[in-house]
Amino acid sequence: MAGIQDREDSRGIGLERVGVVGLVHPVSVRDRRNRVQTSAATFRLSVELGPHARGVHMSRLVEVLGTESVPLAPEPIEGLLRRLKDALDAPSSRVEIGFTFFVEKEAPRSRRPSLLACPAAFEGSLGERFDLVQRIVVPVMTVCPCSREAAGGPAASQRGHVAVSVRVQGHVWLEELVDLVEQSAGAPVYALLSGDDERSVIAAAHERAMFVEDLVRNTAERLDSDVRIVWYRIEAENLDSVHDHNLYASVERSR
């Protein structure tokens, strides 16, 4: 039985994305220690709608997702996109998956372990070809060079977030992106630190005082040196501790 969605629309306006958002579903992602992390992810599923179609059967999008945990890897995501296209008879499909990725870290002196929670996302699309962007947001610490010079000692510290989005040829672990960002910053941040650990982190950030512009350029240099990465976007935001505004810089490049 044909539904109202199957009727024709006379306005002749095609829609790039039609679907469901805010759908929570389990996912699994493998880390570089070959362990599987499971998480509840938020999905955005959509398809392209032609100019003469009234609507799509939204329930089919959820039905395609199924009841199993979705593996976050290129092949399973491409398979999901193909099933969405086929089920809705659509020219193209798109999926955005937001989740939390946990990185195991050791404090610099006490070696106490903790987990660093990093917001992450996979954004895939399938039309004539498959495209996949991986994204992770890494918390870091920096110290303002101007403040250090003016103070002549302890200076204004800033916690910031660096969002790195990449397209790759081959495979890049999310932890590799986290390491790369932390190496580009004044100092990493941790969920658990002793007093000696805190002093070590603060000293390292003061030794490597940098602007938000430096943070982005340092990250870009490291991404440029990795032949697996064919496109990237870096967005850094430092949470200013002495002004009522934050500091921002970004860059986008492709090979």
C-alpha atoms as a PDB file:
ATOM      1  CA  MET A   1       0.000   0.000   0.000  1.00  0.00           C
ATOM      2  CA  ALA A   2       1.461   3.330  -1.076  1.00  0.00           C
ATOM      3  CA  GLY A   3       1.822   5.985   1.614  1.00  0.00           C
ATOM      4  CA  ILE A   4       1.343   9.730   1.434  1.00  0.00           C
ATOM      5  CA  GLN A   5       5.126  10.066   1.187  1.00  0.00           C
ATOM      6  CA  ASP A   6       5.000   8.282  -2.181  1.00  0.00           C
ATOM      7  CA  ARG A   7       2.811  10.929  -3.780  1.00  0.00           C
ATOM      8  CA  GLU A   8       4.340  13.413  -6.198  1.00  0.00           C
ATOM      9  CA  ASP A   9       5.222  16.971  -5.233  1.00  0.00           C
ATOM     10  CA  SER A  10       4.549  19.683  -7.817  1.00  0.00           C
ATOM     11  CA  ARG A  11       6.984  22.339  -6.535  1.00  0.00           C
ATOM     12  CA  GLY A  12      10.019  20.802  -8.234  1.00  0.00           C
ATOM     13  CA  ILE A  13      12.416  21.451  -5.348  1.00  0.00           C
ATOM     14  CA  GLY A  14      14.873  18.700  -4.504  1.00  0.00           C
ATOM     15  CA  LEU A  15      16.216  18.389  -0.964  1.00  0.00           C
ATOM     16  CA  GLU A  16      19.835  17.533  -0.229  1.00  0.00           C
ATOM     17  CA  ARG A  17      19.175  15.865   3.121  1.00  0.00           C
ATOM     18  CA  VAL A  18      16.010  14.416   4.596  1.00  0.00           C
ATOM     19  CA  GLY A  19      16.062  12.084   7.569  1.00  0.00           C
ATOM     20  CA  VAL A  20      16.236  11.638  11.315  1.00  0.00           C
ATOM     21  CA  VAL A  21      18.464  13.338  13.884  1.00  0.00           C
ATOM     22  CA  GLY A  22      19.155  12.772  17.565  1.00  0.00           C
ATOM     23  CA  LEU A  23      18.822   8.990  17.241  1.00  0.00           C
ATOM     24  CA  VAL A  24      20.791   7.223  20.003  1.00  0.00           C
ATOM     25  CA  HIS A  25      22.239   3.823  19.083  1.00  0.00           C
ATOM     26  CA  PRO A  26      25.129   1.627  20.301  1.00  0.00           C
ATOM     27  CA  VAL A  27      28.455   1.662  18.437  1.00  0.00           C
ATOM     28  CA  SER A  28      31.791  -0.097  18.795  1.00  0.00           C
ATOM     29  CA  VAL A  29      35.228   1.220  17.872  1.00  0.00           C
ATOM     30  CA  ARG A  30      38.579  -0.547  17.986  1.00  0.00           C
ATOM     31  CA  ASP A  31      41.546   1.222  19.581  1.00  0.00           C
ATOM     32  CA  ARG A  32      45.216   0.731  18.685  1.00  0.00           C
ATOM     33  CA  ARG A  33      45.652  -1.827  21.472  1.00  0.00           C
ATOM     34  CA  ASN A  34      43.109  -3.913  19.571  1.00  0.00           C
ATOM     35  CA  ARG A  35      40.503  -3.469  22.277  1.00  0.00           C
ATOM     36  CA  VAL A  36      36.890  -2.682  21.442  1.00  0.00           C
ATOM     37  CA  GLN A  37      35.236   0.320  23.079  1.00  0.00           C
ATOM     38  CA  THR A  38      31.459   0.397  23.148  1.00  0.00           C
ATOM     39  CA  SER A  39      29.516   3.609  23.431  1.00  0.00           C
ATOM     40  CA  ALA A  40      26.093   5.138  22.959  1.00  0.00           C
ATOM     41  CA  ALA A  41      26.323   7.359  19.878  1.00  0.00           C
ATOM     42  CA  THR A  42      24.009   9.998  18.457  1.00  0.00           C
ATOM     43  CA  PHE A  43      23.118   9.412  14.810  1.00  0.00           C
ATOM     44  CA  ARG A  44      21.994  11.723  12.036  1.00  0.00           C
ATOM     45  CA  LEU A  45      20.735   9.651   9.079  1.00  0.00           C
ATOM     46  CA  SER A  46      19.628  11.266   5.834  1.00  0.00           C
ATOM     47  CA  VAL A  47      19.115  10.703   2.125  1.00  0.00           C
ATOM     48  CA  GLU A  48      18.734  12.945  -0.890  1.00  0.00           C
ATOM     49  CA  LEU A  49      15.143  13.547  -1.973  1.00  0.00           C
ATOM     50  CA  GLY A  50      14.334  14.153  -5.637  1.00  0.00           C
ATOM     51  CA  PRO A  51      12.316  17.219  -6.758  1.00  0.00           C
ATOM     52  CA  HIS A  52       9.136  15.275  -7.508  1.00  0.00           C
ATOM     53  CA  ALA A  53       8.923  13.099  -4.382  1.00  0.00           C
ATOM     54  CA  ARG A  54       6.684  14.223  -1.512  1.00  0.00           C
ATOM     55  CA  GLY A  55       8.720  12.649   1.276  1.00  0.00           C
ATOM     56  CA  VAL A  56      10.644   9.645   2.563  1.00  0.00           C
ATOM     57  CA  HIS A  57       9.622   6.804   4.833  1.00  0.00           C
ATOM     58  CA  MET A  58      11.495   7.909   7.966  1.00  0.00           C
ATOM     59  CA  SER A  59      10.925   4.576   9.718  1.00  0.00           C
ATOM     60  CA  ARG A  60      12.986   2.823   7.048  1.00  0.00           C
ATOM     61  CA  LEU A  61      16.045   4.805   8.098  1.00  0.00           C
ATOM     62  CA  VAL A  62      15.753   3.516  11.655  1.00  0.00           C
ATOM     63  CA  GLU A  63      14.953   0.022  10.382  1.00  0.00           C
ATOM     64  CA  VAL A  64      18.140  -0.046   8.293  1.00  0.00           C
ATOM     65  CA  LEU A  65      20.192   0.827  11.364  1.00  0.00           C
ATOM     66  CA  GLY A  66      18.844  -2.330  13.002  1.00  0.00           C
ATOM     67  CA  THR A  67      19.379  -3.452  16.570  1.00  0.00           C
ATOM     68  CA  GLU A  68      23.079  -4.372  16.528  1.00  0.00           C
ATOM     69  CA  SER A  69      26.009  -2.207  17.559  1.00  0.00           C
ATOM     70  CA  VAL A  70      27.462  -0.352  14.544  1.00  0.00           C
ATOM     71  CA  PRO A  71      31.237  -0.905  14.045  1.00  0.00           C
ATOM     72  CA  LEU A  72      32.931   2.426  13.401  1.00  0.00           C
ATOM     73  CA  ALA A  73      35.217   1.587  10.499  1.00  0.00           C
ATOM     74  CA  PRO A  74      35.137   2.541   6.784  1.00  0.00           C
ATOM     75  CA  GLU A  75      33.702  -0.723   5.423  1.00  0.00           C
ATOM     76  CA  PRO A  76      30.751  -1.037   7.853  1.00  0.00           C
ATOM     77  CA  ILE A  77      29.893   2.656   7.463  1.00  0.00           C
ATOM     78  CA  GLU A  78      29.954   2.385   3.653  1.00  0.00           C
ATOM     79  CA  GLY A  79      27.716  -0.680   3.932  1.00  0.00           C
ATOM     80  CA  LEU A  80      25.255   1.232   6.115  1.00  0.00           C
ATOM     81  CA  LEU A  81      25.166   4.105   3.614  1.00  0.00           C
ATOM     82  CA  ARG A  82      24.522   1.712   0.740  1.00  0.00           C
ATOM     83  CA  ARG A  83      21.651   0.073   2.603  1.00  0.00           C
ATOM     84  CA  LEU A  84      20.144   3.508   3.293  1.00  0.00           C
ATOM     85  CA  LYS A  85      20.355   4.414  -0.397  1.00  0.00           C
ATOM     86  CA  ASP A  86      18.793   1.132  -1.478  1.00  0.00           C
ATOM     87  CA  ALA A  87      16.019   1.133   1.137  1.00  0.00           C
ATOM     88  CA  LEU A  88      14.930   4.675   0.235  1.00  0.00           C
ATOM     89  CA  ASP A  89      15.781   4.421  -3.490  1.00  0.00           C
ATOM     90  CA  ALA A  90      17.791   7.620  -3.058  1.00  0.00           C
ATOM     91  CA  PRO A  91      20.578   9.163  -5.190  1.00  0.00           C
ATOM     92  CA  SER A  92      22.780   9.634  -2.118  1.00  0.00           C
ATOM     93  CA  SER A  93      22.875   9.006   1.612  1.00  0.00           C
ATOM     94  CA  ARG A  94      24.670  10.496   4.590  1.00  0.00           C
ATOM     95  CA  VAL A  95      25.385   9.486   8.174  1.00  0.00           C
ATOM     96  CA  GLU A  96      26.874  11.484  11.049  1.00  0.00           C
ATOM     97  CA  ILE A  97      27.818   9.585  14.205  1.00  0.00           C
ATOM     98  CA  GLY A  98      28.861  11.426  17.357  1.00  0.00           C
ATOM     99  CA  PHE A  99      30.341   9.508  20.301  1.00  0.00           C
ATOM    100  CA  THR A 100      32.911   9.695  23.112  1.00  0.00           C
ATOM    101  CA  PHE A 101      36.302   8.053  22.603  1.00  0.00           C
ATOM    102  CA  PHE A 102      38.420   7.254  25.664  1.00  0.00           C
ATOM    103  CA  VAL A 103      42.214   7.426  25.644  1.00  0.00           C
ATOM    104  CA  GLU A 104      44.151   5.740  28.431  1.00  0.00           C
ATOM    105  CA  LYS A 105      46.847   8.030  29.821  1.00  0.00           C
ATOM    106  CA  GLU A 106      49.473   7.921  32.543  1.00  0.00           C
ATOM    107  CA  ALA A 107      50.272  10.946  34.699  1.00  0.00           C
ATOM    108  CA  PRO A 108      53.759  12.305  33.910  1.00  0.00           C
ATOM    109  CA  ARG A 109      55.390  11.581  37.299  1.00  0.00           C
ATOM    110  CA  SER A 110      53.159   9.343  39.423  1.00  0.00           C
ATOM    111  CA  ARG A 111      52.215   7.191  36.417  1.00  0.00           C
ATOM    112  CA  ARG A 112      48.691   6.950  37.790  1.00  0.00           C
ATOM    113  CA  PRO A 113      46.329   5.813  34.999  1.00  0.00           C
ATOM    114  CA  SER A 114      43.154   7.585  33.957  1.00  0.00           C
ATOM    115  CA  LEU A 115      40.882   7.905  30.953  1.00  0.00           C
ATOM    116  CA  LEU A 116      40.706  11.057  28.849  1.00  0.00           C
ATOM    117  CA  ALA A 117      37.265  11.539  27.274  1.00  0.00           C
ATOM    118  CA  CYS A 118      37.448  12.981  23.752  1.00  0.00           C
ATOM    119  CA  PRO A 119      34.334  13.862  21.726  1.00  0.00           C
ATOM    120  CA  ALA A 120      34.614  12.181  18.317  1.00  0.00           C
ATOM    121  CA  ALA A 121      32.598  11.756  15.135  1.00  0.00           C
ATOM    122  CA  PHE A 122      32.505   9.845  11.872  1.00  0.00           C
ATOM    123  CA  GLU A 123      30.781  11.589   8.964  1.00  0.00           C
ATOM    124  CA  GLY A 124      30.167   9.490   5.861  1.00  0.00           C
ATOM    125  CA  SER A 125      28.386  10.059   2.560  1.00  0.00           C
ATOM    126  CA  LEU A 126      27.716   7.908  -0.483  1.00  0.00           C
ATOM    127  CA  GLY A 127      26.646   9.229  -3.878  1.00  0.00           C
ATOM    128  CA  GLU A 128      28.742   8.368  -6.891  1.00  0.00           C
ATOM    129  CA  ARG A 129      31.598   7.664  -4.468  1.00  0.00           C
ATOM    130  CA  PHE A 130      32.145   6.991  -0.773  1.00  0.00           C
ATOM    131  CA  ASP A 131      33.563   9.735   1.459  1.00  0.00           C
ATOM    132  CA  LEU A 132      34.478   9.518   5.139  1.00  0.00           C
ATOM    133  CA  VAL A 133      35.699  12.178   7.564  1.00  0.00           C
ATOM    134  CA  GLN A 134      36.966  11.299  11.047  1.00  0.00           C
ATOM    135  CA  ARG A 135      36.888  13.978  13.751  1.00  0.00           C
ATOM    136  CA  ILE A 136      38.172  14.131  17.310  1.00  0.00           C
ATOM    137  CA  VAL A 137      38.345  16.951  19.845  1.00  0.00           C
ATOM    138  CA  VAL A 138      41.399  16.945  22.116  1.00  0.00           C
ATOM    139  CA  PRO A 139      41.644  19.011  25.338  1.00  0.00           C
ATOM    140  CA  VAL A 140      45.059  20.660  25.844  1.00  0.00           C
ATOM    141  CA  MET A 141      46.807  23.314  27.932  1.00  0.00           C
ATOM    142  CA  THR A 142      48.675  26.416  26.758  1.00  0.00           C
ATOM    143  CA  VAL A 143      50.280  29.470  28.337  1.00  0.00           C
ATOM    144  CA  CYS A 144      50.095  32.883  26.657  1.00  0.00           C
ATOM    145  CA  PRO A 145      53.603  34.146  25.646  1.00  0.00           C
ATOM    146  CA  CYS A 146      52.604  37.785  26.205  1.00  0.00           C
ATOM    147  CA  SER A 147      51.380  37.014  29.713  1.00  0.00           C
ATOM    148  CA  ARG A 148      54.548  35.070  30.537  1.00  0.00           C
ATOM    149  CA  GLU A 149      56.754  37.935  29.334  1.00  0.00           C
ATOM    150  CA  ALA A 150      54.726  40.561  31.194  1.00  0.00           C
ATOM    151  CA  ALA A 151      54.593  38.557  34.425  1.00  0.00           C
ATOM    152  CA  GLY A 152      58.218  37.457  34.315  1.00  0.00           C
ATOM    153  CA  GLY A 153      57.140  34.176  35.906  1.00  0.00           C
ATOM    154  CA  PRO A 154      53.880  32.262  36.328  1.00  0.00           C
ATOM    155  CA  ALA A 155      51.482  33.450  33.639  1.00  0.00           C
ATOM    156  CA  ALA A 156      47.895  33.070  32.470  1.00  0.00           C
ATOM    157  CA  SER A 157      47.157  29.423  31.703  1.00  0.00           C
ATOM    158  CA  GLN A 158      44.507  28.433  29.198  1.00  0.00           C
ATOM    159  CA  ARG A 159      42.740  25.145  28.716  1.00  0.00           C
ATOM    160  CA  GLY A 160      41.702  24.674  25.115  1.00  0.00           C
ATOM    161  CA  HIS A 161      40.163  22.255  22.668  1.00  0.00           C
ATOM    162  CA  VAL A 162      41.607  21.291  19.307  1.00  0.00           C
ATOM    163  CA  ALA A 163      39.190  19.696  16.829  1.00  0.00           C
ATOM    164  CA  VAL A 164      40.925  17.748  14.061  1.00  0.00           C
ATOM    165  CA  SER A 165      38.955  16.426  11.067  1.00  0.00           C
ATOM    166  CA  VAL A 166      40.755  14.237   8.520  1.00  0.00           C
ATOM    167  CA  ARG A 167      40.288  12.261   5.334  1.00  0.00           C
ATOM    168  CA  VAL A 168      42.816   9.462   5.057  1.00  0.00           C
ATOM    169  CA  GLN A 169      44.270   6.928   2.676  1.00  0.00           C
ATOM    170  CA  GLY A 170      44.876   3.804   4.682  1.00  0.00           C
ATOM    171  CA  HIS A 171      44.217   3.739   8.402  1.00  0.00           C
ATOM    172  CA  VAL A 172      44.853   6.306  11.141  1.00  0.00           C
ATOM    173  CA  TRP A 173      44.044   5.471  14.761  1.00  0.00           C
ATOM    174  CA  LEU A 174      42.131   8.067  16.734  1.00  0.00           C
ATOM    175  CA  GLU A 175      44.841   7.830  19.405  1.00  0.00           C
ATOM    176  CA  GLU A 176      47.396   8.901  16.798  1.00  0.00           C
ATOM    177  CA  LEU A 177      45.467  12.124  16.264  1.00  0.00           C
ATOM    178  CA  VAL A 178      45.275  12.665  20.025  1.00  0.00           C
ATOM    179  CA  ASP A 179      49.045  12.150  20.364  1.00  0.00           C
ATOM    180  CA  LEU A 180      49.714  14.515  17.472  1.00  0.00           C
ATOM    181  CA  VAL A 181      47.634  17.310  19.001  1.00  0.00           C
ATOM    182  CA  GLU A 182      49.142  16.869  22.463  1.00  0.00           C
ATOM    183  CA  GLN A 183      52.655  17.039  21.002  1.00  0.00           C
ATOM    184  CA  SER A 184      51.663  20.306  19.303  1.00  0.00           C
ATOM    185  CA  ALA A 185      50.317  21.948  22.465  1.00  0.00           C
ATOM    186  CA  GLY A 186      51.938  23.440  25.533  1.00  0.00           C
ATOM    187  CA  ALA A 187      51.022  20.380  27.587  1.00  0.00           C
ATOM    188  CA  PRO A 188      48.451  17.577  27.661  1.00  0.00           C
ATOM    189  CA  VAL A 189      45.648  17.507  30.207  1.00  0.00           C
ATOM    190  CA  TYR A 190      44.677  14.541  32.350  1.00  0.00           C
ATOM    191  CA  ALA A 191      41.697  13.302  34.326  1.00  0.00           C
ATOM    192  CA  LEU A 192      43.863  12.367  37.338  1.00  0.00           C
ATOM    193  CA  LEU A 193      47.005  14.121  38.618  1.00  0.00           C
ATOM    194  CA  SER A 194      48.940  14.263  41.889  1.00  0.00           C
ATOM    195  CA  GLY A 195      50.499  17.485  43.126  1.00  0.00           C
ATOM    196  CA  ASP A 196      53.871  16.613  41.546  1.00  0.00           C
ATOM    197  CA  ASP A 197      52.088  15.771  38.302  1.00  0.00           C
ATOM    198  CA  GLU A 198      50.327  19.138  38.269  1.00  0.00           C
ATOM    199  CA  ARG A 199      53.596  21.008  38.792  1.00  0.00           C
ATOM    200  CA  SER A 200      55.158  19.047  35.941  1.00  0.00           C
ATOM    201  CA  VAL A 201      52.301  19.837  33.543  1.00  0.00           C
ATOM    202  CA  ILE A 202      52.286  23.536  34.474  1.00  0.00           C
ATOM    203  CA  ALA A 203      56.072  23.782  34.067  1.00  0.00           C
ATOM    204  CA  ALA A 204      55.930  22.108  30.648  1.00  0.00           C
ATOM    205  CA  ALA A 205      53.218  24.503  29.435  1.00  0.00           C
ATOM    206  CA  HIS A 206      55.226  27.539  30.617  1.00  0.00           C
ATOM    207  CA  GLU A 207      58.345  26.209  28.915  1.00  0.00           C
ATOM    208  CA  ARG A 208      56.404  25.916  25.646  1.00  0.00           C
ATOM    209  CA  ALA A 209      54.308  29.073  25.841  1.00  0.00           C
ATOM    210  CA  MET A 210      52.339  29.563  22.622  1.00  0.00           C
ATOM    211  CA  PHE A 211      49.509  31.463  20.990  1.00  0.00           C
ATOM    212  CA  VAL A 212      46.431  29.711  19.617  1.00  0.00           C
ATOM    213  CA  GLU A 213      47.933  30.433  16.173  1.00  0.00           C
ATOM    214  CA  ASP A 214      51.052  28.465  17.159  1.00  0.00           C
ATOM    215  CA  LEU A 215      48.904  25.592  18.365  1.00  0.00           C
ATOM    216  CA  VAL A 216      47.143  25.295  14.997  1.00  0.00           C
ATOM    217  CA  ARG A 217      50.348  25.678  12.974  1.00  0.00           C
ATOM    218  CA  ASN A 218      52.176  23.089  15.077  1.00  0.00           C
ATOM    219  CA  THR A 219      49.329  20.648  14.511  1.00  0.00           C
ATOM    220  CA  ALA A 220      49.232  21.413  10.778  1.00  0.00           C
ATOM    221  CA  GLU A 221      52.968  20.733  10.412  1.00  0.00           C
ATOM    222  CA  ARG A 222      52.577  17.303  11.921  1.00  0.00           C
ATOM    223  CA  LEU A 223      49.550  16.471   9.773  1.00  0.00           C
ATOM    224  CA  ASP A 224      51.422  17.648   6.667  1.00  0.00           C
ATOM    225  CA  SER A 225      54.200  15.158   7.404  1.00  0.00           C
ATOM    226  CA  ASP A 226      51.809  12.169   7.472  1.00  0.00           C
ATOM    227  CA  VAL A 227      51.353  10.819   3.930  1.00  0.00           C
ATOM    228  CA  ARG A 228      48.183   8.950   4.942  1.00  0.00           C
ATOM    229  CA  ILE A 229      46.273  12.195   5.526  1.00  0.00           C
ATOM    230  CA  VAL A 230      44.926  13.700   2.288  1.00  0.00           C
ATOM    231  CA  TRP A 231      42.768  16.466   3.794  1.00  0.00           C
ATOM    232  CA  TYR A 232      42.390  18.048   7.194  1.00  0.00           C
ATOM    233  CA  ARG A 233      40.664  20.827   9.088  1.00  0.00           C
ATOM    234  CA  ILE A 234      41.996  22.085  12.425  1.00  0.00           C
ATOM    235  CA  GLU A 235      39.967  24.305  14.745  1.00  0.00           C
ATOM    236  CA  ALA A 236      41.435  25.430  18.063  1.00  0.00           C
ATOM    237  CA  GLU A 237      39.688  27.370  20.795  1.00  0.00           C
ATOM    238  CA  ASN A 238      41.500  28.501  23.940  1.00  0.00           C
ATOM    239  CA  LEU A 239      39.351  29.330  26.961  1.00  0.00           C
ATOM    240  CA  ASP A 240      40.901  32.636  28.006  1.00  0.00           C
ATOM    241  CA  SER A 241      41.374  32.910  31.771  1.00  0.00           C
ATOM    242  CA  VAL A 242      41.761  36.712  32.049  1.00  0.00           C
ATOM    243  CA  HIS A 243      39.383  38.027  29.361  1.00  0.00           C
ATOM    244  CA  ASP A 244      35.666  37.581  28.845  1.00  0.00           C
ATOM    245  CA  HIS A 245      36.158  35.942  25.469  1.00  0.00           C
ATOM    246  CA  ASN A 246      37.906  32.942  23.968  1.00  0.00           C
ATOM    247  CA  LEU A 247      40.660  32.698  21.361  1.00  0.00           C
ATOM    248  CA  TYR A 248      40.233  30.877  18.045  1.00  0.00           C
ATOM    249  CA  ALA A 249      42.235  29.816  14.996  1.00  0.00           C
ATOM    250  CA  SER A 250      41.655  27.344  12.160  1.00  0.00           C
ATOM    251  CA  VAL A 251      43.131  26.027   8.938  1.00  0.00           C
ATOM    252  CA  GLU A 252      41.952  23.631   6.234  1.00  0.00           C
ATOM    253  CA  ARG A 253      44.264  22.010   3.689  1.00  0.00           C
ATOM    254  CA  SER A 254      44.313  19.162   1.186  1.00  0.00           C
ATOM    255  CA  ARG A 255      47.027  17.422  -0.808  1.00  0.00           C
END
